[in-house]
PDB file of N, CA and C in Angstrom:
ATOM      1  N   MET A   1      -6.117  -3.431 -20.734  1.00  0.00           N
ATOM      2  CA  MET A   1      -6.243  -3.314 -19.447  1.00  0.00           C
ATOM      3  C   MET A   1      -6.892  -1.650 -19.101  1.00  0.00           C
ATOM      4  N   PRO A   2      -7.717  -1.301 -18.580  1.00  0.00           N
ATOM      5  CA  PRO A   2      -8.300  -0.039 -17.945  1.00  0.00           C
ATOM      6  C   PRO A   2      -6.599   0.519 -17.374  1.00  0.00           C
ATOM      7  N   SER A   3      -6.648   1.940 -17.443  1.00  0.00           N
ATOM      8  CA  SER A   3      -5.650   2.884 -16.584  1.00  0.00           C
ATOM      9  C   SER A   3      -5.911   2.603 -15.259  1.00  0.00           C
ATOM     10  N   ASP A   4      -5.211   3.003 -14.544  1.00  0.00           N
ATOM     11  CA  ASP A   4      -5.291   3.194 -13.006  1.00  0.00           C
ATOM     12  C   ASP A   4      -6.121   4.234 -12.631  1.00  0.00           C
ATOM     13  N   SER A   5      -6.651   5.635 -13.549  1.00  0.00           N
ATOM     14  CA  SER A   5      -7.383   6.599 -13.593  1.00  0.00           C
ATOM     15  C   SER A   5      -8.581   5.757 -13.449  1.00  0.00           C
ATOM     16  N   THR A   6      -9.010   4.913 -14.114  1.00  0.00           N
ATOM     17  CA  THR A   6     -10.348   4.700 -14.243  1.00  0.00           C
ATOM     18  C   THR A   6     -10.832   3.304 -12.764  1.00  0.00           C
ATOM     19  N   ASP A   7      -9.304   3.090 -12.322  1.00  0.00           N
ATOM     20  CA  ASP A   7      -9.434   2.122 -11.304  1.00  0.00           C
ATOM     21  C   ASP A   7      -9.919   3.387 -10.079  1.00  0.00           C
ATOM     22  N   SER A   8      -9.233   4.125 -10.123  1.00  0.00           N
ATOM     23  CA  SER A   8      -9.573   5.089  -8.955  1.00  0.00           C
ATOM     24  C   SER A   8     -11.029   5.578  -8.961  1.00  0.00           C
ATOM     25  N   LEU A   9     -11.136   6.173 -10.317  1.00  0.00           N
ATOM     26  CA  LEU A   9     -12.651   6.553 -10.475  1.00  0.00           C
ATOM     27  C   LEU A   9     -14.136   5.616  -9.797  1.00  0.00           C
ATOM     28  N   PHE A  10     -13.320   4.035 -10.462  1.00  0.00           N
ATOM     29  CA  PHE A  10     -14.459   3.304  -9.935  1.00  0.00           C
ATOM     30  C   PHE A  10     -14.427   3.137  -8.465  1.00  0.00           C
ATOM     31  N   VAL A  11     -13.256   3.399  -7.870  1.00  0.00           N
ATOM     32  CA  VAL A  11     -13.265   3.252  -6.160  1.00  0.00           C
ATOM     33  C   VAL A  11     -13.958   4.506  -5.630  1.00  0.00           C
ATOM     34  N   TRP A  12     -13.833   5.486  -5.970  1.00  0.00           N
ATOM     35  CA  TRP A  12     -14.072   6.737  -5.669  1.00  0.00           C
ATOM     36  C   TRP A  12     -15.795   7.218  -5.696  1.00  0.00           C
ATOM     37  N   GLY A  13     -16.553   6.531  -6.871  1.00  0.00           N
ATOM     38  CA  GLY A  13     -17.595   6.460  -7.091  1.00  0.00           C
ATOM     39  C   GLY A  13     -18.312   5.441  -5.993  1.00  0.00           C
ATOM     40  N   ILE A  14     -17.842   4.096  -5.835  1.00  0.00           N
ATOM     41  CA  ILE A  14     -18.281   3.320  -4.699  1.00  0.00           C
ATOM     42  C   ILE A  14     -18.283   4.015  -3.605  1.00  0.00           C
ATOM     43  N   VAL A  15     -17.283   4.735  -3.185  1.00  0.00           N
ATOM     44  CA  VAL A  15     -17.252   5.632  -1.738  1.00  0.00           C
ATOM     45  C   VAL A  15     -18.148   6.824  -1.571  1.00  0.00           C
ATOM     46  N   ILE A  16     -18.183   7.291  -2.911  1.00  0.00           N
ATOM     47  CA  ILE A  16     -19.266   8.191  -3.232  1.00  0.00           C
ATOM     48  C   ILE A  16     -20.693   8.143  -2.659  1.00  0.00           C
ATOM     49  N   VAL A  17     -21.021   7.057  -3.562  1.00  0.00           N
ATOM     50  CA  VAL A  17     -22.547   6.059  -3.211  1.00  0.00           C
ATOM     51  C   VAL A  17     -22.650   5.776  -2.064  1.00  0.00           C
ATOM     52  N   GLY A  18     -21.718   5.189  -1.371  1.00  0.00           N
ATOM     53  CA  GLY A  18     -21.651   4.564  -0.174  1.00  0.00           C
ATOM     54  C   GLY A  18     -21.814   5.820   1.117  1.00  0.00           C
ATOM     55  N   VAL A  19     -21.313   7.109   0.883  1.00  0.00           N
ATOM     56  CA  VAL A  19     -21.726   8.085   1.693  1.00  0.00           C
ATOM     57  C   VAL A  19     -22.567   8.834   1.738  1.00  0.00           C
ATOM     58  N   LEU A  20     -23.086   9.071   0.407  1.00  0.00           N
ATOM     59  CA  LEU A  20     -24.470   9.533  -0.053  1.00  0.00           C
ATOM     60  C   LEU A  20     -25.457   8.448   0.582  1.00  0.00           C
ATOM     61  N   THR A  21     -25.790   7.207   0.456  1.00  0.00           N
ATOM     62  CA  THR A  21     -26.479   6.323   1.285  1.00  0.00           C
ATOM     63  C   THR A  21     -26.438   6.559   2.778  1.00  0.00           C
ATOM     64  N   PHE A  22     -25.329   6.551   3.288  1.00  0.00           N
ATOM     65  CA  PHE A  22     -25.505   6.570   4.882  1.00  0.00           C
ATOM     66  C   PHE A  22     -26.040   7.807   5.280  1.00  0.00           C
ATOM     67  N   LEU A  23     -25.696   9.113   4.465  1.00  0.00           N
ATOM     68  CA  LEU A  23     -26.305  10.170   4.929  1.00  0.00           C
ATOM     69  C   LEU A  23     -27.439  10.372   4.795  1.00  0.00           C
ATOM     70  N   TYR A  24     -28.227   9.658   3.640  1.00  0.00           N
ATOM     71  CA  TYR A  24     -29.703   9.467   3.568  1.00  0.00           C
ATOM     72  C   TYR A  24     -30.598   8.784   4.581  1.00  0.00           C
ATOM     73  N   SER A  25     -29.803   7.417   5.229  1.00  0.00           N
ATOM     74  CA  SER A  25     -30.587   6.619   5.964  1.00  0.00           C
ATOM     75  C   SER A  25     -30.127   7.034   7.469  1.00  0.00           C
ATOM     76  N   ILE A  26     -29.331   8.168   7.441  1.00  0.00           N
ATOM     77  CA  ILE A  26     -29.624   8.804   8.923  1.00  0.00           C
ATOM     78  C   ILE A  26     -30.180   9.964   9.028  1.00  0.00           C
ATOM     79  N   LEU A  27     -29.851  10.800   8.027  1.00  0.00           N
ATOM     80  CA  LEU A  27     -30.917  12.195   7.890  1.00  0.00           C
ATOM     81  C   LEU A  27     -32.256  12.203   7.283  1.00  0.00           C
ATOM     82  N   LEU A  28     -32.530  11.327   6.338  1.00  0.00           N
ATOM     83  CA  LEU A  28     -33.982  11.173   5.976  1.00  0.00           C
ATOM     84  C   LEU A  28     -34.886  10.184   6.214  1.00  0.00           C
ATOM     85  N   ALA A  29     -34.153   8.827   6.515  1.00  0.00           N
ATOM     86  CA  ALA A  29     -34.824   7.676   6.843  1.00  0.00           C
ATOM     87  C   ALA A  29     -34.919   7.360   8.235  1.00  0.00           C
ATOM     88  N   SER A  30     -33.825   7.781   8.770  1.00  0.00           N
ATOM     89  CA  SER A  30     -33.754   7.960  10.636  1.00  0.00           C
ATOM     90  C   SER A  30     -33.691   6.171  10.651  1.00  0.00           C
ATOM     91  N   GLN A  31     -33.170   5.340   9.937  1.00  0.00           N
ATOM     92  CA  GLN A  31     -32.847   4.167   9.961  1.00  0.00           C
ATOM     93  C   GLN A  31     -31.375   4.163   9.688  1.00  0.00           C
ATOM     94  N   PRO A  32     -30.219   3.839  10.674  1.00  0.00           N
ATOM     95  CA  PRO A  32     -29.092   4.143  10.379  1.00  0.00           C
ATOM     96  C   PRO A  32     -28.692   2.655  10.345  1.00  0.00           C
ATOM     97  N   LEU A  33     -29.500   1.471  10.457  1.00  0.00           N
ATOM     98  CA  LEU A  33     -29.213   0.230  10.161  1.00  0.00           C
ATOM     99  C   LEU A  33     -29.473  -0.132   8.687  1.00  0.00           C
ATOM    100  N   ALA A  34     -30.308   0.463   8.093  1.00  0.00           N
ATOM    101  CA  ALA A  34     -30.820   0.210   6.819  1.00  0.00           C
ATOM    102  C   ALA A  34     -29.775   0.227   5.764  1.00  0.00           C
ATOM    103  N   TRP A  35     -28.752   1.420   6.554  1.00  0.00           N
ATOM    104  CA  TRP A  35     -27.596   1.644   5.674  1.00  0.00           C
ATOM    105  C   TRP A  35     -26.828   0.316   5.031  1.00  0.00           C
ATOM    106  N   PHE A  36     -26.619  -0.801   6.114  1.00  0.00           N
ATOM    107  CA  PHE A  36     -25.955  -1.857   6.059  1.00  0.00           C
ATOM    108  C   PHE A  36     -26.434  -2.888   4.552  1.00  0.00           C
ATOM    109  N   GLY A  37     -27.800  -2.314   4.099  1.00  0.00           N
ATOM    110  CA  GLY A  37     -28.252  -3.491   2.937  1.00  0.00           C
ATOM    111  C   GLY A  37     -27.671  -2.930   2.014  1.00  0.00           C
ATOM    112  N   ILE A  38     -27.327  -1.565   2.048  1.00  0.00           N
ATOM    113  CA  ILE A  38     -26.334  -1.063   0.798  1.00  0.00           C
ATOM    114  C   ILE A  38     -25.148  -1.115   0.853  1.00  0.00           C
ATOM    115  N   ALA A  39     -24.730  -1.265   1.913  1.00  0.00           N
ATOM    116  CA  ALA A  39     -22.916  -0.961   2.386  1.00  0.00           C
ATOM    117  C   ALA A  39     -22.360  -2.270   1.938  1.00  0.00           C
ATOM    118  N   PHE A  40     -23.127  -3.529   2.269  1.00  0.00           N
ATOM    119  CA  PHE A  40     -22.868  -4.832   2.162  1.00  0.00           C
ATOM    120  C   PHE A  40     -22.820  -5.078   0.215  1.00  0.00           C
ATOM    121  N   PRO A  41     -23.400  -4.334  -0.066  1.00  0.00           N
ATOM    122  CA  PRO A  41     -23.437  -5.105  -1.841  1.00  0.00           C
ATOM    123  C   PRO A  41     -22.262  -4.356  -2.608  1.00  0.00           C
ATOM    124  N   LEU A  42     -22.209  -3.101  -1.840  1.00  0.00           N
ATOM    125  CA  LEU A  42     -21.097  -1.924  -2.321  1.00  0.00           C
ATOM    126  C   LEU A  42     -19.633  -2.688  -1.860  1.00  0.00           C
ATOM    127  N   LEU A  43     -19.721  -3.353  -0.906  1.00  0.00           N
ATOM    128  CA  LEU A  43     -18.186  -3.639  -0.653  1.00  0.00           C
ATOM    129  C   LEU A  43     -18.283  -5.248  -1.400  1.00  0.00           C
ATOM    130  N   GLY A  44     -19.136  -5.765  -1.789  1.00  0.00           N
ATOM    131  CA  GLY A  44     -19.199  -6.903  -2.438  1.00  0.00           C
ATOM    132  C   GLY A  44     -18.721  -6.500  -3.943  1.00  0.00           C
ATOM    133  N   LEU A  45     -19.428  -5.779  -4.521  1.00  0.00           N
ATOM    134  CA  LEU A  45     -19.249  -5.144  -5.788  1.00  0.00           C
ATOM    135  C   LEU A  45     -17.426  -4.678  -6.002  1.00  0.00           C
ATOM    136  N   TYR A  46     -17.152  -3.925  -4.976  1.00  0.00           N
ATOM    137  CA  TYR A  46     -15.569  -3.729  -4.770  1.00  0.00           C
ATOM    138  C   TYR A  46     -14.321  -5.050  -4.838  1.00  0.00           C
ATOM    139  N   LEU A  47     -14.876  -5.582  -3.943  1.00  0.00           N
ATOM    140  CA  LEU A  47     -14.301  -6.971  -3.908  1.00  0.00           C
ATOM    141  C   LEU A  47     -14.167  -7.653  -5.138  1.00  0.00           C
ATOM    142  N   PHE A  48     -15.566  -7.417  -5.681  1.00  0.00           N
ATOM    143  CA  PHE A  48     -15.326  -8.491  -7.335  1.00  0.00           C
ATOM    144  C   PHE A  48     -14.723  -7.818  -8.265  1.00  0.00           C
ATOM    145  N   TRP A  49     -14.553  -6.153  -8.165  1.00  0.00           N
ATOM    146  CA  TRP A  49     -13.879  -5.555  -9.096  1.00  0.00           C
ATOM    147  C   TRP A  49     -12.311  -5.982  -8.903  1.00  0.00           C
ATOM    148  N   ARG A  50     -11.958  -5.955  -7.942  1.00  0.00           N
ATOM    149  CA  ARG A  50     -10.677  -6.449  -7.344  1.00  0.00           C
ATOM    150  C   ARG A  50     -10.198  -7.484  -8.033  1.00  0.00           C
ATOM    151  N   PHE A  51     -11.287  -8.350  -7.610  1.00  0.00           N
ATOM    152  CA  PHE A  51     -11.011 -10.049  -8.354  1.00  0.00           C
ATOM    153  C   PHE A  51     -10.549 -10.104  -9.655  1.00  0.00           C
ATOM    154  N   VAL A  52     -11.514  -9.231 -10.588  1.00  0.00           N
ATOM    155  CA  VAL A  52     -11.498  -9.159 -12.035  1.00  0.00           C
ATOM    156  C   VAL A  52     -10.282  -8.528 -12.168  1.00  0.00           C
ATOM    157  N   ARG A  53      -9.637  -7.703 -11.703  1.00  0.00           N
ATOM    158  CA  ARG A  53      -8.333  -6.613 -11.916  1.00  0.00           C
ATOM    159  C   ARG A  53      -7.290  -7.859 -11.818  1.00  0.00           C
ATOM    160  N   ALA A  54      -7.571  -8.457 -10.713  1.00  0.00           N
ATOM    161  CA  ALA A  54      -6.357  -9.795 -10.576  1.00  0.00           C
ATOM    162  C   ALA A  54      -6.273 -10.669 -11.580  1.00  0.00           C
ATOM    163  N   VAL A  55      -7.465 -11.144 -11.956  1.00  0.00           N
ATOM    164  CA  VAL A  55      -7.533 -12.302 -13.358  1.00  0.00           C
ATOM    165  C   VAL A  55      -6.927 -11.301 -14.467  1.00  0.00           C
ATOM    166  N   GLU A  56      -7.469 -10.412 -14.628  1.00  0.00           N
ATOM    167  CA  GLU A  56      -6.680  -9.690 -15.809  1.00  0.00           C
ATOM    168  C   GLU A  56      -5.185  -9.567 -15.915  1.00  0.00           C
ATOM    169  N   ARG A  57      -4.595  -9.329 -14.814  1.00  0.00           N
ATOM    170  CA  ARG A  57      -3.037  -9.000 -14.177  1.00  0.00           C
ATOM    171  C   ARG A  57      -2.699 -10.506 -14.604  1.00  0.00           C
ATOM    172  N   ILE A  58      -3.160 -11.759 -14.020  1.00  0.00           N
ATOM    173  CA  ILE A  58      -2.705 -12.994 -14.372  1.00  0.00           C
ATOM    174  C   ILE A  58      -2.850 -13.412 -15.739  1.00  0.00           C
ATOM    175  N   ALA A  59      -3.891 -13.048 -16.406  1.00  0.00           N
ATOM    176  CA  ALA A  59      -3.960 -13.178 -17.680  1.00  0.00           C
ATOM    177  C   ALA A  59      -2.749 -12.491 -18.545  1.00  0.00           C
ATOM    178  N   ASP A  60      -2.723 -11.201 -18.495  1.00  0.00           N
ATOM    179  CA  ASP A  60      -1.697 -10.187 -18.993  1.00  0.00           C
ATOM    180  C   ASP A  60      -0.267 -10.918 -19.096  1.00  0.00           C
ATOM    181  N   SER A  61       0.102 -11.458 -17.643  1.00  0.00           N
ATOM    182  CA  SER A  61       1.363 -11.845 -17.491  1.00  0.00           C
ATOM    183  C   SER A  61       1.500 -13.763 -18.191  1.00  0.00           C
ATOM    184  N   MET A  62       0.825 -14.042 -18.032  1.00  0.00           N
ATOM    185  CA  MET A  62       0.615 -15.405 -18.934  1.00  0.00           C
ATOM    186  C   MET A  62       0.789 -15.432 -20.562  1.00  0.00           C
ATOM    187  N   GLU A  63       0.399 -14.459 -20.879  1.00  0.00           N
ATOM    188  CA  GLU A  63       0.566 -13.852 -22.439  1.00  0.00           C
ATOM    189  C   GLU A  63       1.812 -13.855 -22.709  1.00  0.00           C
ATOM    190  N   ARG A  64       2.830 -13.092 -21.906  1.00  0.00           N
ATOM    191  CA  ARG A  64       4.083 -12.365 -22.268  1.00  0.00           C
ATOM    192  C   ARG A  64       5.205 -13.680 -22.225  1.00  0.00           C
TER     193      ARG A  64
END
């Protein structure tokens, strides 16, 4: 099972990518709604990551 530091790095990576794409869509592309095309998949990726972690915790608890 990965450590908590790996989890926080993954979450921070998603946050940083989200902020960078938001700034790009506002400052360079001048299309703020284009950001939602990237934000929703990032949110889905985060929720998938949480689901995988929950299944890992369940599996670990059942092994004991």
